[in-house]
Protein backbone atom coordinates (compact mmCIF):
# COMPACT_ATOMS: atom_id res chain seq x y z
CA MET A 1 45.98 52.02 -18.73
CA SER A 2 45.82 51.12 -22.45
CA ILE A 3 48.02 48.30 -23.77
CA ALA A 4 50.08 50.82 -25.78
CA SER A 5 50.76 53.05 -22.78
CA LEU A 6 51.40 50.03 -20.57
CA ALA A 7 53.95 48.70 -23.08
CA ALA A 8 55.58 52.13 -23.40
CA THR A 9 55.90 52.45 -19.61
CA ILE A 10 57.47 48.97 -19.36
CA GLU A 11 59.89 49.68 -22.24
CA LYS A 12 60.99 52.98 -20.67
CA ALA A 13 61.44 51.27 -17.30
CA TRP A 14 63.46 48.53 -18.98
CA ASP A 15 65.80 51.11 -20.49
CA ASN A 16 66.31 52.52 -16.97
CA ARG A 17 66.24 49.19 -15.12
CA ALA A 18 69.48 49.91 -13.22
CA GLU A 19 67.53 52.59 -11.32
CA ILE A 20 64.67 50.24 -10.38
CA SER A 21 64.61 48.59 -6.96
CA SER A 22 62.20 47.44 -4.28
CA ALA A 23 61.91 51.11 -3.29
CA THR A 24 60.45 52.05 -6.70
CA LYS A 25 56.83 53.17 -6.45
CA GLY A 26 54.25 54.72 -8.73
CA GLU A 27 53.77 54.30 -12.47
CA VAL A 28 56.48 51.67 -13.05
CA ARG A 29 55.34 49.41 -10.22
CA ASP A 30 51.70 49.88 -11.23
CA ALA A 31 52.48 49.02 -14.88
CA VAL A 32 54.47 45.90 -13.98
CA ASN A 33 51.72 44.73 -11.61
CA GLU A 34 49.07 45.35 -14.27
CA ALA A 35 51.07 43.36 -16.83
CA LEU A 36 51.62 40.47 -14.40
CA ASN A 37 47.95 40.44 -13.44
CA GLY A 38 47.03 40.42 -17.16
CA LEU A 39 49.28 37.39 -17.69
CA ASP A 40 47.85 35.74 -14.56
CA SER A 41 44.24 36.18 -15.68
CA GLY A 42 44.94 35.17 -19.28
CA THR A 43 43.88 38.53 -20.75
CA MET A 44 47.49 39.05 -21.88
CA ARG A 45 50.00 36.57 -23.21
CA VAL A 46 53.69 36.66 -24.05
CA ALA A 47 53.17 35.07 -27.46
CA GLU A 48 50.08 34.75 -29.61
CA LYS A 49 49.14 33.32 -32.97
CA ILE A 50 48.30 35.83 -35.66
CA PRO A 51 45.51 34.50 -37.87
CA GLY A 52 46.02 34.54 -41.64
CA LYS A 53 49.83 34.84 -41.56
CA PRO A 54 52.23 32.36 -43.19
CA LEU A 55 53.56 29.78 -40.71
CA LYS A 56 56.97 31.43 -40.27
CA ASP A 57 55.31 34.78 -39.44
CA SER A 58 52.30 33.44 -37.58
CA TRP A 59 53.39 34.22 -34.00
CA ALA A 60 53.89 37.58 -32.30
CA VAL A 61 56.08 37.79 -29.21
CA HIS A 62 55.35 40.66 -26.84
CA GLN A 63 58.83 41.40 -25.53
CA TRP A 64 57.51 44.09 -23.20
CA LEU A 65 55.58 41.44 -21.25
CA LYS A 66 58.74 39.37 -20.81
CA LYS A 67 60.46 42.56 -19.64
CA SER A 68 57.68 43.17 -17.11
CA VAL A 69 58.38 39.76 -15.57
CA LEU A 70 62.09 40.53 -15.36
CA LEU A 71 61.43 43.98 -13.90
CA SER A 72 59.28 42.41 -11.19
CA PHE A 73 62.41 40.71 -9.82
CA ARG A 74 63.96 44.15 -9.30
CA LEU A 75 60.79 45.55 -7.76
CA ASN A 76 60.20 42.80 -5.22
CA ASP A 77 62.40 41.68 -2.35
CA ASN A 78 62.63 38.06 -1.32
CA SER A 79 60.13 37.12 1.34
CA ILE A 80 59.03 34.03 3.21
CA MET A 81 56.18 32.29 1.43
CA PRO A 82 54.27 29.68 3.39
CA PHE A 83 52.18 27.22 1.47
CA ALA A 84 50.15 24.24 2.56
CA VAL A 85 50.91 20.55 2.31
CA ASP A 86 48.48 17.65 2.71
CA GLY A 87 45.50 19.82 1.77
CA GLY A 88 45.63 21.94 4.92
CA SER A 89 45.96 25.65 5.23
CA PRO A 90 49.40 27.30 5.33
CA ASP A 91 48.76 27.96 9.05
CA GLN A 92 48.23 24.28 9.86
CA ASN A 93 50.97 22.49 7.97
CA PRO A 94 53.26 24.96 6.23
CA VAL A 95 56.22 24.43 3.99
CA TYR A 96 58.22 27.55 3.34
CA GLY A 97 59.75 29.06 0.27
CA TYR A 98 61.83 32.20 0.06
CA GLY A 99 61.53 34.16 -3.13
CA LYS A 100 60.19 37.11 -5.08
CA VAL A 101 57.14 35.61 -6.82
CA PRO A 102 54.10 34.55 -4.80
CA LEU A 103 52.17 31.43 -5.69
CA LYS A 104 49.20 31.91 -7.98
CA MET A 105 46.65 30.40 -5.64
CA THR A 106 47.75 31.98 -2.37
CA GLY A 107 44.61 32.66 -0.35
CA TRP A 108 42.22 31.14 -2.88
CA PRO A 109 39.02 29.78 -1.34
CA ASP A 110 37.29 26.71 -2.78
CA LYS A 111 35.08 28.99 -4.91
CA SER A 112 38.08 30.44 -6.78
CA PHE A 113 39.34 26.97 -7.70
CA ARG A 114 35.88 25.99 -8.92
CA GLU A 115 35.60 29.16 -11.03
CA ALA A 116 39.08 28.66 -12.53
CA GLY A 117 37.98 25.22 -13.69
CA PHE A 118 41.24 23.26 -13.48
CA ARG A 119 42.33 20.41 -11.23
CA MET A 120 45.48 20.70 -9.16
CA VAL A 121 46.91 17.69 -7.33
CA PRO A 122 48.89 18.41 -4.14
CA GLY A 123 52.50 19.02 -5.01
CA ALA A 124 51.75 21.17 -8.05
CA ILE A 125 53.29 24.63 -7.87
CA VAL A 126 52.12 27.52 -10.04
CA ARG A 127 53.63 30.97 -9.68
CA HIS A 128 51.67 34.23 -9.98
CA SER A 129 51.46 35.49 -13.57
CA ALA A 130 51.15 31.98 -15.02
CA PHE A 131 47.78 31.31 -16.66
CA ILE A 132 46.12 27.91 -16.30
CA ASP A 133 43.13 27.43 -18.61
CA ARG A 134 39.99 25.42 -17.94
CA ASN A 135 40.05 21.62 -17.76
CA VAL A 136 43.80 21.49 -17.18
CA ILE A 137 45.08 18.78 -14.85
CA LEU A 138 48.18 19.66 -12.86
CA MET A 139 49.91 16.67 -11.32
CA PRO A 140 52.84 17.42 -8.95
CA SER A 141 54.69 19.79 -11.27
CA PHE A 142 56.02 23.33 -11.59
CA VAL A 143 54.65 26.14 -13.79
CA ASN A 144 56.83 29.24 -13.83
CA VAL A 145 56.12 32.96 -14.21
CA GLY A 146 54.39 34.20 -17.36
CA ALA A 147 53.70 30.68 -18.67
CA ARG A 148 50.40 29.77 -20.28
CA VAL A 149 48.88 26.28 -20.19
CA GLY A 150 46.04 25.78 -22.66
CA GLU A 151 42.63 24.24 -22.13
CA GLY A 152 42.41 20.48 -21.61
CA THR A 153 46.14 19.98 -21.12
CA MET A 154 47.59 17.36 -18.78
CA VAL A 155 50.72 18.54 -16.97
CA ASP A 156 51.98 15.18 -15.75
CA THR A 157 54.12 14.32 -12.74
CA TRP A 158 57.44 16.18 -12.34
CA VAL A 159 56.91 18.32 -15.43
CA THR A 160 58.46 21.79 -15.47
CA VAL A 161 56.88 24.49 -17.63
CA GLY A 162 59.46 27.26 -17.91
CA SER A 163 59.03 30.99 -17.67
CA CYS A 164 56.77 32.47 -20.35
CA ALA A 165 56.43 29.08 -22.12
CA GLN A 166 53.27 28.70 -24.19
CA ILE A 167 51.61 25.27 -23.99
CA GLY A 168 48.74 24.65 -26.40
CA ARG A 169 45.34 23.06 -25.93
CA ASN A 170 44.74 19.37 -25.30
CA ILE A 171 48.44 18.56 -24.87
CA HIS A 172 49.82 15.78 -22.68
CA LEU A 173 53.15 16.82 -21.20
CA SER A 174 54.54 13.41 -20.23
CA GLY A 175 56.02 12.79 -16.81
CA GLY A 176 59.42 14.35 -16.21
CA VAL A 177 59.37 16.64 -19.26
CA GLY A 178 60.99 20.03 -19.01
CA ILE A 179 59.71 22.77 -21.29
CA GLY A 180 62.34 25.46 -21.41
CA GLY A 181 61.43 28.97 -20.52
CA VAL A 182 62.41 32.05 -22.44
CA LEU A 183 63.79 33.99 -19.47
CA GLU A 184 66.25 31.37 -18.22
């Protein structure tokens, strides 16, 4: 689906969001999943710099992508989400969550971590649709839906990166910092 048709489908679904539930199938669910997967892979982003524009006009916010995140909460029921502690598999030493957004790395083998190119210390939590660029270090922290963490950034201990927040390259988010999200 093209970006324009994807955005149009999300906008139409947003206008009719009262009718959307976990029973909704087809084009709306497919569009929301495609948008979330685009955010997750880094091929889409909620906000982006527009080259050559004056500073006050230099960023574009894609509201339809924020709406896709919000629509996903209507489309998905809460479910039990096991995840591993102490470096084991979720089967060996699980901790459970109960929510609507799976973790980004659920089921990732070693190869996927190596290809992604970031380091993640146990205790770090990243939700699906957040993008983590290469050479990022994630200490025990939380990165919420739709967020983007740029290359070479250090997300220090007990940092929270809010929903759809955009963190630049080579940043050090000091321990305990909370970067507000735009959906909260």
